Amino acid sequence: MAKTIFVNLPVADVAKATAFYEAIGFEKNAMFSNEKASAMVWSDAIYVMLLGHDFYRTFTSKEIIDARTVSGALYAYAFDSRADVDAFTEKALAAGGRELHDPEDLGFMYSRAFEDLDGHGYGPFFMDMAAAAQTMGEAAEQVPA
C-alpha cells in the first residue's frame, strides 16, 4: 500500500460537512461512510475523515476544540496553477466556507485561505518550483556566513 494519510476532523454535522467537501471536489467513499462519519477522498493517498463529535470522542479523551475560535492545524493543498487555487477557494466560499484573508502572491508562490463549516483552516497554493529555487538561492546568497 502506498503511504497514505487519513486526516480525522471532528464536525458538528456529518451530512452538512459531507456536502461541503463534495462541493469543493472531494469524493465520498460510501464503503467507509455512515451517519457517524464520511470518508472523503482527495487522491489515492489523501483522505479526510469527517467524524461526528460523538464518534470522534471514541478516538480521544481530549476535549474537542472549536476550530472557529482555536487553531489546531492548517491544511495546505498544492495545485497546478493559480487558477486552480482560485477555483478551489471559490467553490469553498460558495459552499459556505469563510475566506480568511486576501490572496497572497509572493511571485514564486500564490495562496488563498479559507475555513470549512466547522472552522478547519485550508491554504490552497500554487508554487513555481523553478522560481522558488531561484528566489531562495538569491536569498541564501545574501545571508552572511
N, C-alpha and C. Protein backbone atom coordinates (compact mmCIF):
# COMPACT_ATOMS: atom_id res chain seq x y z
N MET A 1 0.85 -1.19 0.00
CA MET A 1 0.00 0.00 0.00
C MET A 1 0.89 1.24 0.00
N ALA A 2 0.52 2.22 -0.80
CA ALA A 2 1.26 3.48 -0.84
C ALA A 2 1.13 4.20 0.50
N LYS A 3 2.09 5.03 0.82
CA LYS A 3 1.98 5.84 2.02
C LYS A 3 0.75 6.73 1.86
N THR A 4 -0.13 6.65 2.82
CA THR A 4 -1.42 7.32 2.74
C THR A 4 -1.66 8.08 4.04
N ILE A 5 -2.36 9.20 3.94
CA ILE A 5 -2.72 9.95 5.14
C ILE A 5 -4.24 10.03 5.23
N PHE A 6 -4.73 9.81 6.45
CA PHE A 6 -6.14 9.97 6.78
C PHE A 6 -6.21 11.07 7.84
N VAL A 7 -6.70 12.23 7.46
CA VAL A 7 -6.85 13.33 8.40
C VAL A 7 -8.25 13.21 9.00
N ASN A 8 -8.33 13.06 10.32
CA ASN A 8 -9.61 12.92 11.01
C ASN A 8 -10.03 14.26 11.58
N LEU A 9 -11.19 14.74 11.15
CA LEU A 9 -11.69 16.04 11.61
C LEU A 9 -13.01 15.89 12.34
N PRO A 10 -13.13 16.49 13.53
CA PRO A 10 -14.41 16.49 14.21
C PRO A 10 -15.33 17.51 13.53
N VAL A 11 -16.57 17.11 13.26
CA VAL A 11 -17.54 18.01 12.63
C VAL A 11 -18.85 17.97 13.40
N ALA A 12 -19.53 19.10 13.44
CA ALA A 12 -20.79 19.20 14.17
C ALA A 12 -21.92 18.46 13.46
N ASP A 13 -21.91 18.46 12.13
CA ASP A 13 -22.99 17.85 11.35
C ASP A 13 -22.35 17.10 10.18
N VAL A 14 -22.35 15.78 10.24
CA VAL A 14 -21.68 14.96 9.21
C VAL A 14 -22.28 15.21 7.83
N ALA A 15 -23.59 15.27 7.73
CA ALA A 15 -24.23 15.45 6.42
C ALA A 15 -23.86 16.81 5.80
N LYS A 16 -23.91 17.87 6.59
CA LYS A 16 -23.56 19.20 6.07
C LYS A 16 -22.09 19.28 5.70
N ALA A 17 -21.23 18.70 6.55
CA ALA A 17 -19.80 18.71 6.26
C ALA A 17 -19.51 17.91 4.99
N THR A 18 -20.19 16.78 4.83
CA THR A 18 -20.02 15.96 3.62
C THR A 18 -20.40 16.75 2.38
N ALA A 19 -21.51 17.44 2.43
CA ALA A 19 -21.96 18.24 1.28
C ALA A 19 -20.94 19.33 0.96
N PHE A 20 -20.36 19.95 1.98
CA PHE A 20 -19.34 20.99 1.77
C PHE A 20 -18.14 20.39 1.05
N TYR A 21 -17.63 19.28 1.55
CA TYR A 21 -16.43 18.68 0.96
C TYR A 21 -16.70 18.16 -0.45
N GLU A 22 -17.89 17.66 -0.70
CA GLU A 22 -18.24 17.26 -2.07
C GLU A 22 -18.26 18.48 -2.98
N ALA A 23 -18.76 19.59 -2.48
CA ALA A 23 -18.84 20.81 -3.28
C ALA A 23 -17.47 21.35 -3.68
N ILE A 24 -16.44 21.06 -2.88
CA ILE A 24 -15.10 21.56 -3.23
C ILE A 24 -14.25 20.51 -3.94
N GLY A 25 -14.85 19.38 -4.27
CA GLY A 25 -14.15 18.43 -5.12
C GLY A 25 -13.74 17.11 -4.51
N PHE A 26 -14.03 16.87 -3.24
CA PHE A 26 -13.75 15.58 -2.64
C PHE A 26 -14.84 14.59 -3.09
N GLU A 27 -14.50 13.32 -3.10
CA GLU A 27 -15.48 12.28 -3.40
C GLU A 27 -15.71 11.44 -2.15
N LYS A 28 -16.96 11.15 -1.87
CA LYS A 28 -17.30 10.35 -0.70
C LYS A 28 -17.10 8.87 -1.02
N ASN A 29 -16.39 8.16 -0.14
CA ASN A 29 -16.22 6.72 -0.27
C ASN A 29 -17.31 6.09 0.59
N ALA A 30 -18.37 5.60 -0.06
CA ALA A 30 -19.53 5.07 0.66
C ALA A 30 -19.19 3.85 1.51
N MET A 31 -18.18 3.08 1.12
CA MET A 31 -17.83 1.88 1.87
C MET A 31 -17.40 2.21 3.30
N PHE A 32 -16.79 3.39 3.49
CA PHE A 32 -16.29 3.76 4.81
C PHE A 32 -17.05 4.96 5.39
N SER A 33 -18.29 5.11 4.98
CA SER A 33 -19.11 6.24 5.44
C SER A 33 -20.44 5.73 5.98
N ASN A 34 -20.94 6.46 6.98
CA ASN A 34 -22.26 6.17 7.53
C ASN A 34 -22.76 7.44 8.20
N GLU A 35 -23.77 7.34 9.07
CA GLU A 35 -24.30 8.54 9.72
C GLU A 35 -23.33 9.14 10.73
N LYS A 36 -22.33 8.38 11.16
CA LYS A 36 -21.34 8.86 12.14
C LYS A 36 -20.12 9.50 11.50
N ALA A 37 -19.83 9.12 10.25
CA ALA A 37 -18.59 9.58 9.61
C ALA A 37 -18.70 9.50 8.09
N SER A 38 -17.94 10.36 7.42
CA SER A 38 -17.81 10.28 5.96
C SER A 38 -16.33 10.23 5.61
N ALA A 39 -15.99 9.26 4.77
CA ALA A 39 -14.62 9.15 4.25
C ALA A 39 -14.58 9.93 2.94
N MET A 40 -13.86 11.05 2.94
CA MET A 40 -13.81 11.92 1.77
C MET A 40 -12.45 11.77 1.10
N VAL A 41 -12.46 11.44 -0.18
CA VAL A 41 -11.25 11.14 -0.92
C VAL A 41 -10.79 12.36 -1.72
N TRP A 42 -9.54 12.75 -1.49
CA TRP A 42 -8.91 13.82 -2.26
C TRP A 42 -8.06 13.22 -3.38
N SER A 43 -7.33 12.17 -3.04
CA SER A 43 -6.49 11.46 -4.01
C SER A 43 -6.31 10.03 -3.53
N ASP A 44 -5.56 9.25 -4.27
CA ASP A 44 -5.31 7.87 -3.86
C ASP A 44 -4.59 7.79 -2.52
N ALA A 45 -3.95 8.86 -2.10
CA ALA A 45 -3.15 8.83 -0.88
C ALA A 45 -3.64 9.79 0.21
N ILE A 46 -4.67 10.57 -0.07
CA ILE A 46 -5.12 11.57 0.90
C ILE A 46 -6.63 11.46 1.10
N TYR A 47 -7.01 11.21 2.36
CA TYR A 47 -8.40 11.12 2.75
C TYR A 47 -8.66 12.08 3.91
N VAL A 48 -9.84 12.65 3.94
CA VAL A 48 -10.29 13.42 5.09
C VAL A 48 -11.49 12.69 5.66
N MET A 49 -11.36 12.28 6.91
CA MET A 49 -12.43 11.58 7.60
C MET A 49 -13.21 12.59 8.42
N LEU A 50 -14.46 12.79 8.07
CA LEU A 50 -15.34 13.72 8.78
C LEU A 50 -16.08 12.93 9.84
N LEU A 51 -15.75 13.17 11.10
CA LEU A 51 -16.29 12.37 12.20
C LEU A 51 -17.21 13.23 13.07
N GLY A 52 -18.45 12.78 13.25
CA GLY A 52 -19.34 13.45 14.19
C GLY A 52 -18.69 13.47 15.57
N HIS A 53 -19.01 14.47 16.36
CA HIS A 53 -18.35 14.64 17.66
C HIS A 53 -18.41 13.38 18.54
N ASP A 54 -19.58 12.76 18.62
CA ASP A 54 -19.69 11.56 19.47
C ASP A 54 -18.75 10.46 19.00
N PHE A 55 -18.65 10.26 17.68
CA PHE A 55 -17.76 9.24 17.14
C PHE A 55 -16.30 9.64 17.32
N TYR A 56 -16.00 10.91 17.10
CA TYR A 56 -14.63 11.41 17.27
C TYR A 56 -14.14 11.15 18.69
N ARG A 57 -15.04 11.33 19.66
CA ARG A 57 -14.68 11.12 21.07
C ARG A 57 -14.26 9.69 21.38
N THR A 58 -14.61 8.73 20.53
CA THR A 58 -14.20 7.35 20.77
C THR A 58 -12.71 7.15 20.47
N PHE A 59 -12.07 8.13 19.85
CA PHE A 59 -10.65 8.04 19.50
C PHE A 59 -9.75 8.83 20.44
N THR A 60 -10.34 9.68 21.28
CA THR A 60 -9.54 10.52 22.17
C THR A 60 -10.33 10.89 23.41
N SER A 61 -9.61 11.06 24.50
CA SER A 61 -10.25 11.54 25.73
C SER A 61 -10.09 13.06 25.86
N LYS A 62 -9.37 13.67 24.92
CA LYS A 62 -9.16 15.12 24.97
C LYS A 62 -10.41 15.88 24.55
N GLU A 63 -10.50 17.10 25.03
CA GLU A 63 -11.59 17.98 24.64
C GLU A 63 -11.50 18.29 23.15
N ILE A 64 -12.64 18.31 22.48
CA ILE A 64 -12.68 18.68 21.07
C ILE A 64 -12.69 20.20 20.98
N ILE A 65 -11.75 20.73 20.22
CA ILE A 65 -11.67 22.18 20.09
C ILE A 65 -12.80 22.70 19.20
N ASP A 66 -13.11 23.96 19.35
CA ASP A 66 -13.98 24.66 18.41
C ASP A 66 -13.02 25.33 17.44
N ALA A 67 -12.85 24.76 16.26
CA ALA A 67 -11.87 25.26 15.30
C ALA A 67 -12.22 26.65 14.77
N ARG A 68 -13.42 27.14 15.08
CA ARG A 68 -13.76 28.52 14.69
C ARG A 68 -13.09 29.53 15.61
N THR A 69 -12.68 29.09 16.82
CA THR A 69 -12.08 30.01 17.78
C THR A 69 -10.67 29.61 18.20
N VAL A 70 -10.29 28.35 17.99
CA VAL A 70 -8.97 27.84 18.38
C VAL A 70 -8.37 27.14 17.17
N SER A 71 -7.12 27.46 16.86
CA SER A 71 -6.48 26.81 15.72
C SER A 71 -5.75 25.56 16.19
N GLY A 72 -6.05 24.43 15.55
CA GLY A 72 -5.39 23.18 15.89
C GLY A 72 -4.45 22.74 14.78
N ALA A 73 -4.79 23.08 13.55
CA ALA A 73 -3.98 22.71 12.38
C ALA A 73 -4.47 23.50 11.18
N LEU A 74 -3.60 23.65 10.20
CA LEU A 74 -3.95 24.26 8.92
C LEU A 74 -3.54 23.26 7.85
N TYR A 75 -4.39 23.07 6.86
CA TYR A 75 -4.17 22.07 5.82
C TYR A 75 -3.88 22.77 4.50
N ALA A 76 -2.71 22.51 3.95
CA ALA A 76 -2.29 23.14 2.70
C ALA A 76 -2.38 22.11 1.57
N TYR A 77 -3.02 22.50 0.48
CA TYR A 77 -3.18 21.64 -0.69
C TYR A 77 -2.49 22.30 -1.87
N ALA A 78 -1.61 21.56 -2.54
CA ALA A 78 -0.89 22.08 -3.70
C ALA A 78 -1.72 21.91 -4.97
N PHE A 79 -1.71 22.93 -5.81
CA PHE A 79 -2.43 22.90 -7.08
C PHE A 79 -1.47 23.22 -8.21
N ASP A 80 -1.90 22.91 -9.44
CA ASP A 80 -1.07 23.07 -10.62
C ASP A 80 -1.02 24.49 -11.16
N SER A 81 -1.93 25.36 -10.71
CA SER A 81 -1.95 26.73 -11.23
C SER A 81 -2.67 27.67 -10.25
N ARG A 82 -2.46 28.95 -10.46
CA ARG A 82 -3.17 29.96 -9.68
C ARG A 82 -4.67 29.83 -9.91
N ALA A 83 -5.05 29.59 -11.16
CA ALA A 83 -6.47 29.45 -11.50
C ALA A 83 -7.10 28.29 -10.72
N ASP A 84 -6.36 27.19 -10.56
CA ASP A 84 -6.88 26.06 -9.79
C ASP A 84 -7.06 26.43 -8.32
N VAL A 85 -6.13 27.21 -7.78
CA VAL A 85 -6.25 27.69 -6.39
C VAL A 85 -7.50 28.54 -6.24
N ASP A 86 -7.69 29.47 -7.18
CA ASP A 86 -8.87 30.34 -7.12
C ASP A 86 -10.16 29.54 -7.27
N ALA A 87 -10.19 28.59 -8.19
CA ALA A 87 -11.41 27.80 -8.41
C ALA A 87 -11.76 26.99 -7.16
N PHE A 88 -10.77 26.35 -6.54
CA PHE A 88 -10.98 25.57 -5.32
C PHE A 88 -11.53 26.47 -4.20
N THR A 89 -10.91 27.64 -4.03
CA THR A 89 -11.33 28.56 -2.98
C THR A 89 -12.73 29.09 -3.24
N GLU A 90 -13.02 29.44 -4.48
CA GLU A 90 -14.35 29.95 -4.81
C GLU A 90 -15.43 28.89 -4.57
N LYS A 91 -15.14 27.63 -4.85
CA LYS A 91 -16.08 26.55 -4.55
C LYS A 91 -16.34 26.50 -3.05
N ALA A 92 -15.27 26.62 -2.26
CA ALA A 92 -15.42 26.57 -0.80
C ALA A 92 -16.27 27.73 -0.30
N LEU A 93 -16.05 28.91 -0.83
CA LEU A 93 -16.82 30.08 -0.40
C LEU A 93 -18.29 29.93 -0.81
N ALA A 94 -18.54 29.42 -2.01
CA ALA A 94 -19.91 29.22 -2.48
C ALA A 94 -20.64 28.17 -1.65
N ALA A 95 -19.89 27.22 -1.07
CA ALA A 95 -20.49 26.15 -0.27
C ALA A 95 -20.64 26.54 1.21
N GLY A 96 -20.30 27.78 1.55
CA GLY A 96 -20.47 28.25 2.93
C GLY A 96 -19.20 28.44 3.71
N GLY A 97 -18.05 28.23 3.08
CA GLY A 97 -16.77 28.48 3.74
C GLY A 97 -16.54 29.97 3.94
N ARG A 98 -15.53 30.29 4.74
CA ARG A 98 -15.22 31.69 5.05
C ARG A 98 -13.77 31.98 4.66
N GLU A 99 -13.59 33.01 3.82
CA GLU A 99 -12.24 33.40 3.42
C GLU A 99 -11.53 34.07 4.60
N LEU A 100 -10.27 33.71 4.82
CA LEU A 100 -9.54 34.20 5.98
C LEU A 100 -8.75 35.47 5.72
N HIS A 101 -8.27 35.64 4.49
CA HIS A 101 -7.56 36.87 4.13
C HIS A 101 -7.47 36.97 2.62
N ASP A 102 -7.01 38.12 2.15
CA ASP A 102 -6.85 38.32 0.71
C ASP A 102 -5.82 37.33 0.16
N PRO A 103 -5.88 37.05 -1.16
CA PRO A 103 -4.87 36.18 -1.76
C PRO A 103 -3.47 36.73 -1.48
N GLU A 104 -2.51 35.81 -1.34
CA GLU A 104 -1.12 36.19 -1.09
C GLU A 104 -0.30 35.79 -2.30
N ASP A 105 0.43 36.74 -2.86
CA ASP A 105 1.25 36.49 -4.05
C ASP A 105 2.69 36.87 -3.75
N LEU A 106 3.54 35.85 -3.64
CA LEU A 106 4.96 36.08 -3.37
C LEU A 106 5.80 36.00 -4.64
N GLY A 107 5.15 35.98 -5.79
CA GLY A 107 5.85 35.84 -7.05
C GLY A 107 6.04 34.38 -7.41
N PHE A 108 6.79 33.65 -6.60
CA PHE A 108 7.01 32.22 -6.84
C PHE A 108 5.91 31.35 -6.25
N MET A 109 5.10 31.94 -5.33
CA MET A 109 4.03 31.19 -4.69
C MET A 109 2.79 32.06 -4.58
N TYR A 110 1.65 31.45 -4.85
CA TYR A 110 0.35 32.11 -4.76
C TYR A 110 -0.53 31.26 -3.85
N SER A 111 -1.21 31.90 -2.89
CA SER A 111 -2.05 31.13 -1.98
C SER A 111 -3.30 31.90 -1.59
N ARG A 112 -4.27 31.14 -1.13
CA ARG A 112 -5.51 31.67 -0.57
C ARG A 112 -5.71 30.97 0.76
N ALA A 113 -6.72 31.37 1.51
CA ALA A 113 -7.01 30.71 2.79
C ALA A 113 -8.49 30.80 3.09
N PHE A 114 -9.04 29.67 3.57
CA PHE A 114 -10.44 29.65 3.96
C PHE A 114 -10.66 28.63 5.07
N GLU A 115 -11.81 28.74 5.72
CA GLU A 115 -12.25 27.77 6.73
C GLU A 115 -13.45 27.01 6.19
N ASP A 116 -13.57 25.73 6.61
CA ASP A 116 -14.77 24.97 6.27
C ASP A 116 -15.88 25.35 7.25
N LEU A 117 -17.00 24.64 7.21
CA LEU A 117 -18.15 24.97 8.06
C LEU A 117 -17.85 24.88 9.54
N ASP A 118 -16.88 24.03 9.93
CA ASP A 118 -16.53 23.85 11.33
C ASP A 118 -15.31 24.66 11.77
N GLY A 119 -14.76 25.47 10.86
CA GLY A 119 -13.63 26.32 11.20
C GLY A 119 -12.26 25.72 10.93
N HIS A 120 -12.19 24.55 10.29
CA HIS A 120 -10.90 23.96 9.94
C HIS A 120 -10.29 24.77 8.80
N GLY A 121 -9.02 25.15 8.96
CA GLY A 121 -8.37 26.06 8.02
C GLY A 121 -7.65 25.38 6.87
N TYR A 122 -7.83 25.93 5.67
CA TYR A 122 -7.20 25.41 4.46
C TYR A 122 -6.43 26.51 3.75
N GLY A 123 -5.28 26.14 3.20
CA GLY A 123 -4.44 27.07 2.46
C GLY A 123 -4.05 26.50 1.11
N PRO A 124 -4.96 26.51 0.13
CA PRO A 124 -4.59 26.03 -1.19
C PRO A 124 -3.52 26.95 -1.79
N PHE A 125 -2.54 26.34 -2.49
CA PHE A 125 -1.45 27.15 -3.04
C PHE A 125 -0.93 26.58 -4.35
N PHE A 126 -0.30 27.44 -5.11
CA PHE A 126 0.46 27.06 -6.30
C PHE A 126 1.87 27.57 -6.11
N MET A 127 2.86 26.73 -6.39
CA MET A 127 4.25 27.16 -6.28
C MET A 127 4.99 26.82 -7.57
N ASP A 128 5.64 27.83 -8.12
CA ASP A 128 6.53 27.65 -9.27
C ASP A 128 7.88 27.27 -8.68
N MET A 129 8.21 25.97 -8.73
CA MET A 129 9.41 25.48 -8.06
C MET A 129 10.70 26.08 -8.63
N ALA A 130 10.74 26.32 -9.94
CA ALA A 130 11.94 26.92 -10.53
C ALA A 130 12.13 28.34 -10.01
N ALA A 131 11.04 29.10 -9.96
CA ALA A 131 11.11 30.47 -9.44
C ALA A 131 11.43 30.46 -7.95
N ALA A 132 10.88 29.49 -7.21
CA ALA A 132 11.17 29.38 -5.78
C ALA A 132 12.65 29.09 -5.56
N ALA A 133 13.20 28.16 -6.33
CA ALA A 133 14.62 27.82 -6.20
C ALA A 133 15.49 29.04 -6.49
N GLN A 134 15.13 29.79 -7.51
CA GLN A 134 15.89 31.00 -7.84
C GLN A 134 15.78 32.03 -6.73
N THR A 135 14.56 32.25 -6.24
CA THR A 135 14.35 33.24 -5.17
C THR A 135 15.06 32.82 -3.89
N MET A 136 14.92 31.56 -3.52
CA MET A 136 15.55 31.07 -2.29
C MET A 136 17.07 31.06 -2.44
N GLY A 137 17.56 30.74 -3.63
CA GLY A 137 19.01 30.77 -3.88
C GLY A 137 19.57 32.16 -3.74
N GLU A 138 18.85 33.14 -4.28
CA GLU A 138 19.27 34.53 -4.15
C GLU A 138 19.22 34.97 -2.70
N ALA A 139 18.19 34.57 -1.97
CA ALA A 139 18.07 34.94 -0.56
C ALA A 139 19.18 34.29 0.25
N ALA A 140 19.50 33.03 -0.06
CA ALA A 140 20.54 32.31 0.68
C ALA A 140 21.91 32.95 0.44
N GLU A 141 22.13 33.47 -0.76
CA GLU A 141 23.42 34.11 -1.08
C GLU A 141 23.59 35.42 -0.32
N GLN A 142 22.46 36.05 0.11
CA GLN A 142 22.53 37.33 0.81
C GLN A 142 22.71 37.19 2.32
N VAL A 143 22.60 35.98 2.85
CA VAL A 143 22.73 35.75 4.29
C VAL A 143 24.21 35.68 4.63
N PRO A 144 24.67 36.53 5.58
CA PRO A 144 26.08 36.47 5.97
C PRO A 144 26.44 35.14 6.61
N ALA A 145 27.62 34.67 6.36
CA ALA A 145 28.07 33.38 6.91
C ALA A 145 28.52 33.52 8.34
